[in-house]
Amino acid sequence: MENVDWDLLKILNICARHKNFLEAALEAGVLPPAFSKQIKRLEQQVGEELFERINGNACNKFTPAGFDLLKKTLKIEKLILGKID
């Protein structure tokens, strides 16, 4: 996993705060179709599915790989913001 776009990684953090992609897309300031495309781009960069799929559509439930990446991005975000020693 090299050269992953930080803006795309922040999507994971946004998704963790909301129960559905519509609310997450609104916080991100984009329409739901654009938000879905960002999720797909992130999954392509990471090389793994990060969200479970229902009928081919991502739902707001992390796969084990997605949850693991979420924990890492939250830690990085805290380091950037100076909230971890």
PDB file of N, CA and C in Angstrom:
ATOM      1  N   MET A   1       0.856  -1.175   0.000  1.00  0.00           N
ATOM      2  CA  MET A   1       0.000   0.000   0.000  1.00  0.00           C
ATOM      3  C   MET A   1       0.901   1.237   0.000  1.00  0.00           C
ATOM      4  N   GLU A   2       1.225   1.690  -1.189  1.00  0.00           N
ATOM      5  CA  GLU A   2       2.068   2.871  -1.323  1.00  0.00           C
ATOM      6  C   GLU A   2       1.279   3.998  -1.967  1.00  0.00           C
ATOM      7  N   ASN A   3       1.640   5.216  -1.617  1.00  0.00           N
ATOM      8  CA  ASN A   3       1.049   6.400  -2.239  1.00  0.00           C
ATOM      9  C   ASN A   3      -0.468   6.454  -2.135  1.00  0.00           C
ATOM     10  N   VAL A   4      -0.976   6.163  -0.960  1.00  0.00           N
ATOM     11  CA  VAL A   4      -2.416   6.263  -0.736  1.00  0.00           C
ATOM     12  C   VAL A   4      -2.750   7.722  -0.439  1.00  0.00           C
ATOM     13  N   ASP A   5      -3.739   8.228  -1.098  1.00  0.00           N
ATOM     14  CA  ASP A   5      -4.165   9.619  -0.970  1.00  0.00           C
ATOM     15  C   ASP A   5      -4.769   9.856   0.427  1.00  0.00           C
ATOM     16  N   TRP A   6      -4.182  10.794   1.178  1.00  0.00           N
ATOM     17  CA  TRP A   6      -4.663  11.077   2.539  1.00  0.00           C
ATOM     18  C   TRP A   6      -6.123  11.537   2.531  1.00  0.00           C
ATOM     19  N   ASP A   7      -6.515  12.305   1.530  1.00  0.00           N
ATOM     20  CA  ASP A   7      -7.909  12.760   1.458  1.00  0.00           C
ATOM     21  C   ASP A   7      -8.862  11.576   1.334  1.00  0.00           C
ATOM     22  N   LEU A   8      -8.434  10.547   0.633  1.00  0.00           N
ATOM     23  CA  LEU A   8      -9.268   9.347   0.538  1.00  0.00           C
ATOM     24  C   LEU A   8      -9.280   8.586   1.858  1.00  0.00           C
ATOM     25  N   LEU A   9      -8.146   8.566   2.547  1.00  0.00           N
ATOM     26  CA  LEU A   9      -8.108   7.884   3.848  1.00  0.00           C
ATOM     27  C   LEU A   9      -9.036   8.550   4.858  1.00  0.00           C
ATOM     28  N   LYS A  10      -9.183   9.859   4.748  1.00  0.00           N
ATOM     29  CA  LYS A  10     -10.078  10.562   5.676  1.00  0.00           C
ATOM     30  C   LYS A  10     -11.526  10.110   5.515  1.00  0.00           C
ATOM     31  N   ILE A  11     -11.856   9.549   4.352  1.00  0.00           N
ATOM     32  CA  ILE A  11     -13.203   9.019   4.130  1.00  0.00           C
ATOM     33  C   ILE A  11     -13.537   7.956   5.166  1.00  0.00           C
ATOM     34  N   LEU A  12     -12.551   7.137   5.509  1.00  0.00           N
ATOM     35  CA  LEU A  12     -12.793   6.097   6.514  1.00  0.00           C
ATOM     36  C   LEU A  12     -13.214   6.720   7.838  1.00  0.00           C
ATOM     37  N   ASN A  13     -12.540   7.770   8.225  1.00  0.00           N
ATOM     38  CA  ASN A  13     -12.869   8.437   9.486  1.00  0.00           C
ATOM     39  C   ASN A  13     -14.277   9.023   9.437  1.00  0.00           C
ATOM     40  N   ILE A  14     -14.631   9.603   8.299  1.00  0.00           N
ATOM     41  CA  ILE A  14     -15.968  10.167   8.143  1.00  0.00           C
ATOM     42  C   ILE A  14     -17.016   9.054   8.222  1.00  0.00           C
ATOM     43  N   CYS A  15     -16.765   7.952   7.543  1.00  0.00           N
ATOM     44  CA  CYS A  15     -17.715   6.832   7.562  1.00  0.00           C
ATOM     45  C   CYS A  15     -17.919   6.281   8.971  1.00  0.00           C
ATOM     46  N   ALA A  16     -16.869   6.262   9.749  1.00  0.00           N
ATOM     47  CA  ALA A  16     -16.970   5.728  11.110  1.00  0.00           C
ATOM     48  C   ALA A  16     -17.871   6.590  11.990  1.00  0.00           C
ATOM     49  N   ARG A  17     -18.035   7.868  11.641  1.00  0.00           N
ATOM     50  CA  ARG A  17     -18.868   8.765  12.440  1.00  0.00           C
ATOM     51  C   ARG A  17     -20.343   8.734  12.050  1.00  0.00           C
ATOM     52  N   HIS A  18     -20.673   8.054  10.959  1.00  0.00           N
ATOM     53  CA  HIS A  18     -22.050   8.078  10.460  1.00  0.00           C
ATOM     54  C   HIS A  18     -22.586   6.677  10.240  1.00  0.00           C
ATOM     55  N   LYS A  19     -23.905   6.562  10.305  1.00  0.00           N
ATOM     56  CA  LYS A  19     -24.524   5.243  10.135  1.00  0.00           C
ATOM     57  C   LYS A  19     -24.799   4.898   8.680  1.00  0.00           C
ATOM     58  N   ASN A  20     -24.658   5.855   7.775  1.00  0.00           N
ATOM     59  CA  ASN A  20     -24.858   5.549   6.362  1.00  0.00           C
ATOM     60  C   ASN A  20     -24.005   6.471   5.498  1.00  0.00           C
ATOM     61  N   PHE A  21     -23.871   6.077   4.230  1.00  0.00           N
ATOM     62  CA  PHE A  21     -23.026   6.828   3.307  1.00  0.00           C
ATOM     63  C   PHE A  21     -23.626   8.173   2.940  1.00  0.00           C
ATOM     64  N   LEU A  22     -24.937   8.303   2.975  1.00  0.00           N
ATOM     65  CA  LEU A  22     -25.549   9.593   2.656  1.00  0.00           C
ATOM     66  C   LEU A  22     -25.077  10.654   3.642  1.00  0.00           C
ATOM     67  N   GLU A  23     -25.163  10.344   4.930  1.00  0.00           N
ATOM     68  CA  GLU A  23     -24.706  11.296   5.953  1.00  0.00           C
ATOM     69  C   GLU A  23     -23.208  11.562   5.823  1.00  0.00           C
ATOM     70  N   ALA A  24     -22.444  10.503   5.546  1.00  0.00           N
ATOM     71  CA  ALA A  24     -20.996  10.662   5.394  1.00  0.00           C
ATOM     72  C   ALA A  24     -20.677  11.537   4.180  1.00  0.00           C
ATOM     73  N   ALA A  25     -21.397  11.327   3.082  1.00  0.00           N
ATOM     74  CA  ALA A  25     -21.176  12.137   1.880  1.00  0.00           C
ATOM     75  C   ALA A  25     -21.490  13.605   2.157  1.00  0.00           C
ATOM     76  N   LEU A  26     -22.556  13.852   2.908  1.00  0.00           N
ATOM     77  CA  LEU A  26     -22.910  15.225   3.240  1.00  0.00           C
ATOM     78  C   LEU A  26     -21.805  15.899   4.045  1.00  0.00           C
ATOM     79  N   GLU A  27     -21.237  15.166   5.017  1.00  0.00           N
ATOM     80  CA  GLU A  27     -20.134  15.743   5.797  1.00  0.00           C
ATOM     81  C   GLU A  27     -18.924  16.010   4.907  1.00  0.00           C
ATOM     82  N   ALA A  28     -18.677  15.108   3.964  1.00  0.00           N
ATOM     83  CA  ALA A  28     -17.531  15.271   3.070  1.00  0.00           C
ATOM     84  C   ALA A  28     -17.768  16.377   2.034  1.00  0.00           C
ATOM     85  N   GLY A  29     -19.023  16.803   1.912  1.00  0.00           N
ATOM     86  CA  GLY A  29     -19.333  17.886   0.985  1.00  0.00           C
ATOM     87  C   GLY A  29     -19.445  17.453  -0.463  1.00  0.00           C
ATOM     88  N   VAL A  30     -19.787  16.175  -0.677  1.00  0.00           N
ATOM     89  CA  VAL A  30     -19.946  15.659  -2.039  1.00  0.00           C
ATOM     90  C   VAL A  30     -21.269  14.905  -2.142  1.00  0.00           C
ATOM     91  N   LEU A  31     -21.710  14.693  -3.362  1.00  0.00           N
ATOM     92  CA  LEU A  31     -22.919  13.906  -3.591  1.00  0.00           C
ATOM     93  C   LEU A  31     -22.606  12.426  -3.396  1.00  0.00           C
ATOM     94  N   PRO A  32     -23.602  11.627  -3.000  1.00  0.00           N
ATOM     95  CA  PRO A  32     -23.357  10.198  -2.757  1.00  0.00           C
ATOM     96  C   PRO A  32     -22.666   9.447  -3.903  1.00  0.00           C
ATOM     97  N   PRO A  33     -23.010   9.682  -5.184  1.00  0.00           N
ATOM     98  CA  PRO A  33     -22.288   8.960  -6.239  1.00  0.00           C
ATOM     99  C   PRO A  33     -20.784   9.288  -6.260  1.00  0.00           C
ATOM    100  N   ALA A  34     -20.448  10.547  -6.029  1.00  0.00           N
ATOM    101  CA  ALA A  34     -19.032  10.934  -5.980  1.00  0.00           C
ATOM    102  C   ALA A  34     -18.349  10.298  -4.773  1.00  0.00           C
ATOM    103  N   PHE A  35     -19.070  10.226  -3.657  1.00  0.00           N
ATOM    104  CA  PHE A  35     -18.528   9.605  -2.448  1.00  0.00           C
ATOM    105  C   PHE A  35     -18.234   8.125  -2.699  1.00  0.00           C
ATOM    106  N   SER A  36     -19.162   7.446  -3.370  1.00  0.00           N
ATOM    107  CA  SER A  36     -18.957   6.029  -3.703  1.00  0.00           C
ATOM    108  C   SER A  36     -17.738   5.845  -4.596  1.00  0.00           C
ATOM    109  N   LYS A  37     -17.541   6.756  -5.541  1.00  0.00           N
ATOM    110  CA  LYS A  37     -16.368   6.672  -6.406  1.00  0.00           C
ATOM    111  C   LYS A  37     -15.082   6.865  -5.612  1.00  0.00           C
ATOM    112  N   GLN A  38     -15.114   7.753  -4.622  1.00  0.00           N
ATOM    113  CA  GLN A  38     -13.935   7.952  -3.775  1.00  0.00           C
ATOM    114  C   GLN A  38     -13.628   6.685  -2.984  1.00  0.00           C
ATOM    115  N   ILE A  39     -14.657   6.026  -2.491  1.00  0.00           N
ATOM    116  CA  ILE A  39     -14.457   4.770  -1.761  1.00  0.00           C
ATOM    117  C   ILE A  39     -13.825   3.729  -2.677  1.00  0.00           C
ATOM    118  N   LYS A  40     -14.320   3.614  -3.895  1.00  0.00           N
ATOM    119  CA  LYS A  40     -13.757   2.654  -4.849  1.00  0.00           C
ATOM    120  C   LYS A  40     -12.307   2.984  -5.166  1.00  0.00           C
ATOM    121  N   ARG A  41     -11.990   4.278  -5.341  1.00  0.00           N
ATOM    122  CA  ARG A  41     -10.606   4.672  -5.598  1.00  0.00           C
ATOM    123  C   ARG A  41      -9.699   4.299  -4.427  1.00  0.00           C
ATOM    124  N   LEU A  42     -10.180   4.537  -3.203  1.00  0.00           N
ATOM    125  CA  LEU A  42      -9.398   4.170  -2.022  1.00  0.00           C
ATOM    126  C   LEU A  42      -9.169   2.662  -1.989  1.00  0.00           C
ATOM    127  N   GLU A  43     -10.209   1.891  -2.240  1.00  0.00           N
ATOM    128  CA  GLU A  43     -10.061   0.433  -2.238  1.00  0.00           C
ATOM    129  C   GLU A  43      -9.077  -0.019  -3.308  1.00  0.00           C
ATOM    130  N   GLN A  44      -9.075   0.642  -4.461  1.00  0.00           N
ATOM    131  CA  GLN A  44      -8.105   0.306  -5.507  1.00  0.00           C
ATOM    132  C   GLN A  44      -6.685   0.637  -5.057  1.00  0.00           C
ATOM    133  N   GLN A  45      -6.508   1.783  -4.402  1.00  0.00           N
ATOM    134  CA  GLN A  45      -5.173   2.166  -3.939  1.00  0.00           C
ATOM    135  C   GLN A  45      -4.667   1.219  -2.866  1.00  0.00           C
ATOM    136  N   VAL A  46      -5.565   0.786  -1.987  1.00  0.00           N
ATOM    137  CA  VAL A  46      -5.187  -0.102  -0.885  1.00  0.00           C
ATOM    138  C   VAL A  46      -5.059  -1.545  -1.365  1.00  0.00           C
ATOM    139  N   GLY A  47      -5.844  -1.912  -2.381  1.00  0.00           N
ATOM    140  CA  GLY A  47      -5.805  -3.272  -2.900  1.00  0.00           C
ATOM    141  C   GLY A  47      -6.709  -4.239  -2.163  1.00  0.00           C
ATOM    142  N   GLU A  48      -7.667  -3.706  -1.395  1.00  0.00           N
ATOM    143  CA  GLU A  48      -8.596  -4.554  -0.645  1.00  0.00           C
ATOM    144  C   GLU A  48      -9.952  -3.882  -0.558  1.00  0.00           C
ATOM    145  N   GLU A  49     -11.001  -4.713  -0.412  1.00  0.00           N
ATOM    146  CA  GLU A  49     -12.309  -4.145  -0.133  1.00  0.00           C
ATOM    147  C   GLU A  49     -12.337  -3.707   1.322  1.00  0.00           C
ATOM    148  N   LEU A  50     -12.789  -2.495   1.558  1.00  0.00           N
ATOM    149  CA  LEU A  50     -12.796  -1.929   2.905  1.00  0.00           C
ATOM    150  C   LEU A  50     -14.188  -1.929   3.524  1.00  0.00           C
ATOM    151  N   PHE A  51     -15.199  -2.095   2.674  1.00  0.00           N
ATOM    152  CA  PHE A  51     -16.584  -2.109   3.138  1.00  0.00           C
ATOM    153  C   PHE A  51     -17.272  -3.358   2.618  1.00  0.00           C
ATOM    154  N   GLU A  52     -18.178  -3.891   3.434  1.00  0.00           N
ATOM    155  CA  GLU A  52     -18.970  -5.027   2.981  1.00  0.00           C
ATOM    156  C   GLU A  52     -19.928  -4.561   1.901  1.00  0.00           C
ATOM    157  N   ARG A  53     -20.308  -5.477   1.031  1.00  0.00           N
ATOM    158  CA  ARG A  53     -21.202  -5.162  -0.085  1.00  0.00           C
ATOM    159  C   ARG A  53     -22.523  -5.916   0.085  1.00  0.00           C
ATOM    160  N   ILE A  54     -23.612  -5.221  -0.255  1.00  0.00           N
ATOM    161  CA  ILE A  54     -24.934  -5.841  -0.317  1.00  0.00           C
ATOM    162  C   ILE A  54     -25.452  -5.576  -1.722  1.00  0.00           C
ATOM    163  N   ASN A  55     -25.712  -6.644  -2.470  1.00  0.00           N
ATOM    164  CA  ASN A  55     -26.143  -6.511  -3.870  1.00  0.00           C
ATOM    165  C   ASN A  55     -25.187  -5.648  -4.674  1.00  0.00           C
ATOM    166  N   GLY A  56     -23.909  -5.782  -4.416  1.00  0.00           N
ATOM    167  CA  GLY A  56     -22.904  -5.048  -5.176  1.00  0.00           C
ATOM    168  C   GLY A  56     -22.632  -3.639  -4.694  1.00  0.00           C
ATOM    169  N   ASN A  57     -23.422  -3.155  -3.747  1.00  0.00           N
ATOM    170  CA  ASN A  57     -23.245  -1.793  -3.245  1.00  0.00           C
ATOM    171  C   ASN A  57     -22.584  -1.823  -1.876  1.00  0.00           C
ATOM    172  N   ALA A  58     -21.630  -0.946  -1.673  1.00  0.00           N
ATOM    173  CA  ALA A  58     -20.956  -0.861  -0.381  1.00  0.00           C
ATOM    174  C   ALA A  58     -21.948  -0.368   0.666  1.00  0.00           C
ATOM    175  N   CYS A  59     -21.896  -0.986   1.827  1.00  0.00           N
ATOM    176  CA  CYS A  59     -22.704  -0.499   2.946  1.00  0.00           C
ATOM    177  C   CYS A  59     -21.745   0.049   3.998  1.00  0.00           C
ATOM    178  N   ASN A  60     -22.264   0.726   4.966  1.00  0.00           N
ATOM    179  CA  ASN A  60     -21.400   1.376   5.944  1.00  0.00           C
ATOM    180  C   ASN A  60     -20.993   0.403   7.049  1.00  0.00           C
ATOM    181  N   LYS A  61     -20.482  -0.752   6.632  1.00  0.00           N
ATOM    182  CA  LYS A  61     -19.947  -1.735   7.575  1.00  0.00           C
ATOM    183  C   LYS A  61     -18.569  -2.140   7.071  1.00  0.00           C
ATOM    184  N   PHE A  62     -17.572  -1.943   7.912  1.00  0.00           N
ATOM    185  CA  PHE A  62     -16.194  -2.220   7.521  1.00  0.00           C
ATOM    186  C   PHE A  62     -15.915  -3.717   7.423  1.00  0.00           C
ATOM    187  N   THR A  63     -15.095  -4.083   6.452  1.00  0.00           N
ATOM    188  CA  THR A  63     -14.523  -5.422   6.416  1.00  0.00           C
ATOM    189  C   THR A  63     -13.412  -5.440   7.461  1.00  0.00           C
ATOM    190  N   PRO A  64     -12.861  -6.604   7.801  1.00  0.00           N
ATOM    191  CA  PRO A  64     -11.722  -6.613   8.728  1.00  0.00           C
ATOM    192  C   PRO A  64     -10.561  -5.735   8.227  1.00  0.00           C
ATOM    193  N   ALA A  65     -10.301  -5.755   6.922  1.00  0.00           N
ATOM    194  CA  ALA A  65      -9.231  -4.907   6.366  1.00  0.00           C
ATOM    195  C   ALA A  65      -9.586  -3.432   6.512  1.00  0.00           C
ATOM    196  N   GLY A  66     -10.847  -3.098   6.310  1.00  0.00           N
ATOM    197  CA  GLY A  66     -11.293  -1.715   6.457  1.00  0.00           C
ATOM    198  C   GLY A  66     -11.180  -1.231   7.886  1.00  0.00           C
ATOM    199  N   PHE A  67     -11.556  -2.093   8.831  1.00  0.00           N
ATOM    200  CA  PHE A  67     -11.473  -1.714  10.242  1.00  0.00           C
ATOM    201  C   PHE A  67     -10.016  -1.537  10.660  1.00  0.00           C
ATOM    202  N   ASP A  68      -9.150  -2.418  10.175  1.00  0.00           N
ATOM    203  CA  ASP A  68      -7.720  -2.302  10.493  1.00  0.00           C
ATOM    204  C   ASP A  68      -7.152  -0.999   9.940  1.00  0.00           C
ATOM    205  N   LEU A  69      -7.505  -0.673   8.708  1.00  0.00           N
ATOM    206  CA  LEU A  69      -7.022   0.579   8.113  1.00  0.00           C
ATOM    207  C   LEU A  69      -7.603   1.785   8.839  1.00  0.00           C
ATOM    208  N   LEU A  70      -8.850   1.690   9.264  1.00  0.00           N
ATOM    209  CA  LEU A  70      -9.462   2.786  10.030  1.00  0.00           C
ATOM    210  C   LEU A  70      -8.668   3.059  11.302  1.00  0.00           C
ATOM    211  N   LYS A  71      -8.319   2.007  12.034  1.00  0.00           N
ATOM    212  CA  LYS A  71      -7.546   2.197  13.263  1.00  0.00           C
ATOM    213  C   LYS A  71      -6.223   2.898  12.977  1.00  0.00           C
ATOM    214  N   LYS A  72      -5.578   2.517  11.883  1.00  0.00           N
ATOM    215  CA  LYS A  72      -4.296   3.135  11.524  1.00  0.00           C
ATOM    216  C   LYS A  72      -4.476   4.604  11.140  1.00  0.00           C
ATOM    217  N   THR A  73      -5.530   4.907  10.370  1.00  0.00           N
ATOM    218  CA  THR A  73      -5.719   6.299   9.964  1.00  0.00           C
ATOM    219  C   THR A  73      -6.102   7.178  11.143  1.00  0.00           C
ATOM    220  N   LEU A  74      -6.857   6.630  12.090  1.00  0.00           N
ATOM    221  CA  LEU A  74      -7.198   7.409  13.287  1.00  0.00           C
ATOM    222  C   LEU A  74      -5.944   7.727  14.094  1.00  0.00           C
ATOM    223  N   LYS A  75      -5.041   6.757  14.177  1.00  0.00           N
ATOM    224  CA  LYS A  75      -3.795   6.979  14.905  1.00  0.00           C
ATOM    225  C   LYS A  75      -2.935   8.028  14.198  1.00  0.00           C
ATOM    226  N   ILE A  76      -2.852   7.929  12.877  1.00  0.00           N
ATOM    227  CA  ILE A  76      -2.084   8.919  12.109  1.00  0.00           C
ATOM    228  C   ILE A  76      -2.686  10.304  12.285  1.00  0.00           C
ATOM    229  N   GLU A  77      -4.003  10.385  12.222  1.00  0.00           N
ATOM    230  CA  GLU A  77      -4.676  11.681  12.379  1.00  0.00           C
ATOM    231  C   GLU A  77      -4.383  12.291  13.757  1.00  0.00           C
ATOM    232  N   LYS A  78      -4.389  11.448  14.773  1.00  0.00           N
ATOM    233  CA  LYS A  78      -4.074  11.948  16.119  1.00  0.00           C
ATOM    234  C   LYS A  78      -2.631  12.421  16.206  1.00  0.00           C
ATOM    235  N   LEU A  79      -1.713  11.696  15.551  1.00  0.00           N
ATOM    236  CA  LEU A  79      -0.322  12.131  15.537  1.00  0.00           C
ATOM    237  C   LEU A  79      -0.167  13.473  14.840  1.00  0.00           C
ATOM    238  N   ILE A  80      -0.862  13.624  13.717  1.00  0.00           N
ATOM    239  CA  ILE A  80      -0.784  14.877  12.973  1.00  0.00           C
ATOM    240  C   ILE A  80      -1.323  16.034  13.810  1.00  0.00           C
ATOM    241  N   LEU A  81      -2.399  15.780  14.531  1.00  0.00           N
ATOM    242  CA  LEU A  81      -3.014  16.819  15.338  1.00  0.00           C
ATOM    243  C   LEU A  81      -2.336  16.998  16.686  1.00  0.00           C
ATOM    244  N   GLY A  82      -1.315  16.164  16.957  1.00  0.00           N
ATOM    245  CA  GLY A  82      -0.552  16.305  18.192  1.00  0.00           C
ATOM    246  C   GLY A  82      -1.255  15.795  19.426  1.00  0.00           C
ATOM    247  N   LYS A  83      -2.140  14.819  19.242  1.00  0.00           N
ATOM    248  CA  LYS A  83      -2.901  14.302  20.387  1.00  0.00           C
ATOM    249  C   LYS A  83      -2.345  13.002  20.939  1.00  0.00           C
ATOM    250  N   ILE A  84      -1.213  12.544  20.402  1.00  0.00           N
ATOM    251  CA  ILE A  84      -0.559  11.340  20.925  1.00  0.00           C
ATOM    252  C   ILE A  84       0.885  11.711  21.232  1.00  0.00           C
ATOM    253  N   ASP A  85       1.374  11.212  22.331  1.00  0.00           N
ATOM    254  CA  ASP A  85       2.783  11.474  22.709  1.00  0.00           C
ATOM    255  C   ASP A  85       3.727  10.699  21.815  1.00  0.00           C
TER     256      ASP A  85
END
